[in-house]
């Protein structure tokens, strides 16, 4: 899988980890998709914004669903002046 972006430090909220554990899914499955530019279930406008953010260093948001239908977000923070991304977070929407 061709990775399109650097993720920085990878973190996950307790709620996201609990949901992933219940569905017996690995967070890495979702992280790989995100890093490869598969934004999941975002609308077309957000997908275009993500595609631009890969090039210009902006913030990225992916939306996925577990096998149990629970929505997960993955957010990669905007790059700093040197193009480095500090962190990528896996979270539930209500944890934002």
N, C-alpha and C. Protein backbone atom coordinates (compact mmCIF):
# COMPACT_ATOMS: atom_id res chain seq x y z
N UNK A 1 0.85 -1.17 0.00
CA UNK A 1 0.00 0.00 0.00
C UNK A 1 0.89 1.23 0.00
N UNK A 2 0.63 2.13 -0.91
CA UNK A 2 1.41 3.35 -1.05
C UNK A 2 0.93 4.39 -0.04
N UNK A 3 1.82 4.80 0.86
CA UNK A 3 1.45 5.79 1.87
C UNK A 3 1.65 7.19 1.31
N UNK A 4 0.65 8.05 1.52
CA UNK A 4 0.68 9.39 0.97
C UNK A 4 1.12 10.44 1.97
N UNK A 5 1.12 10.12 3.26
CA UNK A 5 1.44 11.14 4.24
C UNK A 5 2.10 10.55 5.47
N UNK A 6 2.82 11.41 6.16
CA UNK A 6 3.40 11.05 7.44
C UNK A 6 2.35 11.33 8.51
N UNK A 7 2.35 10.53 9.55
CA UNK A 7 1.30 10.62 10.56
C UNK A 7 1.73 11.32 11.84
N UNK A 8 3.01 11.44 12.09
CA UNK A 8 3.46 11.95 13.39
C UNK A 8 3.17 10.89 14.45
N UNK A 9 3.03 11.33 15.69
CA UNK A 9 2.73 10.42 16.79
C UNK A 9 1.31 9.91 16.63
N UNK A 10 1.12 8.61 16.76
CA UNK A 10 -0.20 8.00 16.65
C UNK A 10 -0.77 7.79 18.04
N UNK A 11 -1.98 8.34 18.27
CA UNK A 11 -2.66 8.19 19.55
C UNK A 11 -4.11 7.79 19.30
N UNK A 12 -4.72 7.22 20.31
CA UNK A 12 -6.13 6.83 20.23
C UNK A 12 -6.79 7.12 21.58
N UNK A 13 -8.04 7.53 21.51
CA UNK A 13 -8.78 7.79 22.74
C UNK A 13 -9.24 6.47 23.36
N UNK A 14 -9.51 6.46 24.66
CA UNK A 14 -10.02 5.24 25.30
C UNK A 14 -11.31 4.74 24.64
N UNK A 15 -12.19 5.66 24.26
CA UNK A 15 -13.44 5.25 23.63
C UNK A 15 -13.21 4.54 22.31
N UNK A 16 -12.30 5.05 21.51
CA UNK A 16 -11.98 4.42 20.22
C UNK A 16 -11.37 3.05 20.43
N UNK A 17 -10.47 2.94 21.39
CA UNK A 17 -9.85 1.65 21.67
C UNK A 17 -10.87 0.62 22.14
N UNK A 18 -11.83 1.07 22.95
CA UNK A 18 -12.89 0.16 23.43
C UNK A 18 -13.75 -0.34 22.26
N UNK A 19 -14.13 0.57 21.39
CA UNK A 19 -14.95 0.20 20.22
C UNK A 19 -14.19 -0.78 19.32
N UNK A 20 -12.92 -0.52 19.09
CA UNK A 20 -12.12 -1.41 18.26
C UNK A 20 -11.97 -2.78 18.92
N UNK A 21 -11.79 -2.81 20.22
CA UNK A 21 -11.69 -4.07 20.94
C UNK A 21 -12.98 -4.88 20.83
N UNK A 22 -14.11 -4.20 21.02
CA UNK A 22 -15.41 -4.89 20.94
C UNK A 22 -15.65 -5.48 19.55
N UNK A 23 -15.20 -4.78 18.51
CA UNK A 23 -15.43 -5.26 17.14
C UNK A 23 -14.31 -6.20 16.69
N UNK A 24 -13.31 -6.40 17.57
CA UNK A 24 -12.16 -7.26 17.27
C UNK A 24 -11.46 -6.83 15.99
N UNK A 25 -11.27 -5.50 15.86
CA UNK A 25 -10.57 -4.93 14.72
C UNK A 25 -9.32 -4.20 15.19
N UNK A 26 -8.33 -4.23 14.34
CA UNK A 26 -7.08 -3.55 14.65
C UNK A 26 -7.15 -2.09 14.22
N UNK A 27 -6.65 -1.18 15.05
CA UNK A 27 -6.59 0.21 14.61
C UNK A 27 -5.72 0.39 13.38
N UNK A 28 -4.76 -0.51 13.19
CA UNK A 28 -3.84 -0.39 12.06
C UNK A 28 -4.55 -0.53 10.72
N UNK A 29 -5.62 -1.31 10.67
CA UNK A 29 -6.38 -1.43 9.41
C UNK A 29 -6.90 -0.07 8.97
N UNK A 30 -7.40 0.70 9.92
CA UNK A 30 -7.93 2.02 9.61
C UNK A 30 -6.81 3.04 9.36
N UNK A 31 -5.76 2.95 10.14
CA UNK A 31 -4.62 3.87 9.99
C UNK A 31 -3.98 3.70 8.62
N UNK A 32 -3.81 2.47 8.18
CA UNK A 32 -3.22 2.23 6.86
C UNK A 32 -4.06 2.85 5.76
N UNK A 33 -5.37 2.70 5.86
CA UNK A 33 -6.26 3.30 4.86
C UNK A 33 -6.10 4.82 4.84
N UNK A 34 -6.11 5.41 6.02
CA UNK A 34 -5.97 6.86 6.15
C UNK A 34 -4.65 7.33 5.54
N UNK A 35 -3.56 6.67 5.90
CA UNK A 35 -2.24 7.08 5.42
C UNK A 35 -2.09 6.88 3.91
N UNK A 36 -2.89 5.99 3.35
CA UNK A 36 -2.83 5.73 1.91
C UNK A 36 -3.75 6.65 1.11
N UNK A 37 -4.52 7.49 1.80
CA UNK A 37 -5.41 8.41 1.10
C UNK A 37 -6.80 7.86 0.84
N UNK A 38 -7.16 6.78 1.51
CA UNK A 38 -8.54 6.26 1.47
C UNK A 38 -9.26 6.91 2.65
N UNK A 39 -10.04 7.93 2.36
CA UNK A 39 -10.63 8.75 3.42
C UNK A 39 -11.91 8.16 3.99
N UNK A 40 -12.30 6.99 3.54
CA UNK A 40 -13.48 6.33 4.10
C UNK A 40 -14.76 7.01 3.66
N UNK A 41 -15.61 7.31 4.63
CA UNK A 41 -16.96 7.79 4.36
C UNK A 41 -17.12 9.30 4.47
N UNK A 42 -16.09 10.06 4.12
CA UNK A 42 -16.24 11.52 4.09
C UNK A 42 -17.01 11.91 2.83
N UNK A 43 -17.64 13.07 2.87
CA UNK A 43 -18.33 13.56 1.68
C UNK A 43 -17.31 13.95 0.62
N UNK A 44 -17.79 14.15 -0.60
CA UNK A 44 -16.89 14.47 -1.72
C UNK A 44 -16.10 15.75 -1.47
N UNK A 45 -16.72 16.75 -0.87
CA UNK A 45 -16.03 18.00 -0.57
C UNK A 45 -14.90 17.81 0.42
N UNK A 46 -15.14 17.02 1.46
CA UNK A 46 -14.08 16.75 2.43
C UNK A 46 -12.97 15.91 1.82
N UNK A 47 -13.32 14.99 0.93
CA UNK A 47 -12.29 14.20 0.25
C UNK A 47 -11.38 15.11 -0.58
N UNK A 48 -11.96 16.09 -1.27
CA UNK A 48 -11.15 17.04 -2.04
C UNK A 48 -10.25 17.87 -1.12
N UNK A 49 -10.81 18.30 0.02
CA UNK A 49 -10.00 19.04 0.99
C UNK A 49 -8.84 18.19 1.51
N UNK A 50 -9.10 16.91 1.78
CA UNK A 50 -8.04 16.02 2.23
C UNK A 50 -6.96 15.86 1.16
N UNK A 51 -7.39 15.67 -0.08
CA UNK A 51 -6.42 15.52 -1.17
C UNK A 51 -5.53 16.75 -1.27
N UNK A 52 -6.12 17.93 -1.11
CA UNK A 52 -5.33 19.16 -1.13
C UNK A 52 -4.42 19.24 0.09
N UNK A 53 -4.90 18.79 1.24
CA UNK A 53 -4.12 18.86 2.47
C UNK A 53 -2.89 17.96 2.42
N UNK A 54 -2.98 16.87 1.67
CA UNK A 54 -1.80 16.01 1.50
C UNK A 54 -0.69 16.82 0.85
N UNK A 55 -1.05 17.67 -0.10
CA UNK A 55 -0.06 18.47 -0.82
C UNK A 55 0.37 19.71 -0.05
N UNK A 56 -0.59 20.37 0.63
CA UNK A 56 -0.26 21.66 1.25
C UNK A 56 -0.03 21.60 2.76
N UNK A 57 -0.15 20.42 3.35
CA UNK A 57 0.15 20.27 4.77
C UNK A 57 -1.00 20.56 5.70
N UNK A 58 -2.22 20.67 5.17
CA UNK A 58 -3.39 20.95 6.00
C UNK A 58 -3.83 19.75 6.83
N UNK A 59 -4.85 20.00 7.61
CA UNK A 59 -5.44 18.98 8.49
C UNK A 59 -6.23 17.97 7.67
N UNK A 60 -6.20 16.70 8.09
CA UNK A 60 -6.89 15.63 7.38
C UNK A 60 -7.89 14.94 8.30
N UNK A 61 -9.03 14.57 7.74
CA UNK A 61 -10.07 13.85 8.48
C UNK A 61 -10.55 12.68 7.65
N UNK A 62 -10.52 11.49 8.23
CA UNK A 62 -11.11 10.30 7.62
C UNK A 62 -12.22 9.80 8.53
N UNK A 63 -13.21 9.18 7.92
CA UNK A 63 -14.35 8.64 8.66
C UNK A 63 -14.52 7.17 8.25
N UNK A 64 -14.55 6.31 9.23
CA UNK A 64 -14.71 4.88 8.99
C UNK A 64 -15.78 4.32 9.92
N UNK A 65 -16.23 3.11 9.62
CA UNK A 65 -17.18 2.41 10.49
C UNK A 65 -16.61 1.04 10.82
N UNK A 66 -16.75 0.66 12.08
CA UNK A 66 -16.32 -0.68 12.50
C UNK A 66 -17.31 -1.70 11.96
N UNK A 67 -16.98 -2.96 12.15
CA UNK A 67 -17.88 -4.03 11.73
C UNK A 67 -19.21 -3.97 12.48
N UNK A 68 -19.21 -3.34 13.64
CA UNK A 68 -20.44 -3.17 14.42
C UNK A 68 -21.18 -1.89 14.05
N UNK A 69 -20.67 -1.15 13.07
CA UNK A 69 -21.34 0.06 12.59
C UNK A 69 -21.03 1.32 13.38
N UNK A 70 -20.05 1.27 14.27
CA UNK A 70 -19.70 2.44 15.06
C UNK A 70 -18.75 3.33 14.25
N UNK A 71 -19.05 4.62 14.23
CA UNK A 71 -18.25 5.57 13.47
C UNK A 71 -16.97 5.94 14.21
N UNK A 72 -15.86 5.90 13.48
CA UNK A 72 -14.56 6.32 13.98
C UNK A 72 -14.04 7.46 13.11
N UNK A 73 -13.37 8.40 13.73
CA UNK A 73 -12.66 9.44 13.00
C UNK A 73 -11.18 9.22 13.17
N UNK A 74 -10.43 9.56 12.13
CA UNK A 74 -8.98 9.68 12.24
C UNK A 74 -8.62 11.08 11.76
N UNK A 75 -7.94 11.82 12.64
CA UNK A 75 -7.56 13.19 12.34
C UNK A 75 -6.04 13.29 12.40
N UNK A 76 -5.45 13.80 11.32
CA UNK A 76 -4.03 14.12 11.31
C UNK A 76 -3.92 15.63 11.32
N UNK A 77 -3.23 16.13 12.31
CA UNK A 77 -3.10 17.58 12.48
C UNK A 77 -2.29 18.18 11.34
N UNK A 78 -2.49 19.47 11.12
CA UNK A 78 -1.77 20.19 10.07
C UNK A 78 -0.27 20.12 10.30
N UNK A 79 0.46 20.25 9.22
CA UNK A 79 1.91 20.24 9.28
C UNK A 79 2.43 21.56 9.83
N UNK A 80 3.61 21.49 10.44
CA UNK A 80 4.25 22.72 10.90
C UNK A 80 4.96 23.39 9.72
N UNK A 81 5.69 24.42 9.98
CA UNK A 81 6.37 25.16 8.92
C UNK A 81 7.37 24.34 8.14
N UNK A 82 7.83 23.24 8.72
CA UNK A 82 8.79 22.37 8.05
C UNK A 82 8.11 21.19 7.35
N UNK A 83 6.78 21.16 7.37
CA UNK A 83 6.05 20.08 6.72
C UNK A 83 5.89 18.83 7.55
N UNK A 84 6.23 18.90 8.84
CA UNK A 84 6.11 17.74 9.73
C UNK A 84 4.74 17.74 10.41
N UNK A 85 4.14 16.58 10.48
CA UNK A 85 2.86 16.44 11.17
C UNK A 85 3.12 15.92 12.57
N UNK A 86 2.52 16.56 13.56
CA UNK A 86 2.79 16.23 14.95
C UNK A 86 2.07 14.97 15.40
N UNK A 87 0.80 14.80 15.01
CA UNK A 87 0.03 13.70 15.58
C UNK A 87 -1.14 13.31 14.69
N UNK A 88 -1.50 12.04 14.82
CA UNK A 88 -2.71 11.49 14.22
C UNK A 88 -3.48 10.83 15.35
N UNK A 89 -4.77 11.14 15.44
CA UNK A 89 -5.61 10.65 16.53
C UNK A 89 -6.77 9.84 16.00
N UNK A 90 -7.01 8.67 16.60
CA UNK A 90 -8.19 7.87 16.34
C UNK A 90 -9.17 8.16 17.47
N UNK A 91 -10.39 8.55 17.12
CA UNK A 91 -11.35 8.93 18.15
C UNK A 91 -12.77 8.70 17.67
N UNK A 92 -13.69 8.75 18.62
CA UNK A 92 -15.10 8.73 18.30
C UNK A 92 -15.54 10.18 18.08
N UNK A 93 -16.53 10.41 17.21
CA UNK A 93 -16.96 11.79 16.95
C UNK A 93 -17.36 12.55 18.21
N UNK A 94 -17.98 11.89 19.17
CA UNK A 94 -18.40 12.61 20.38
C UNK A 94 -17.25 12.90 21.34
N UNK A 95 -16.06 12.41 21.02
CA UNK A 95 -14.88 12.70 21.81
C UNK A 95 -14.10 13.92 21.27
N UNK A 96 -14.57 14.48 20.18
CA UNK A 96 -13.88 15.61 19.56
C UNK A 96 -14.04 16.86 20.39
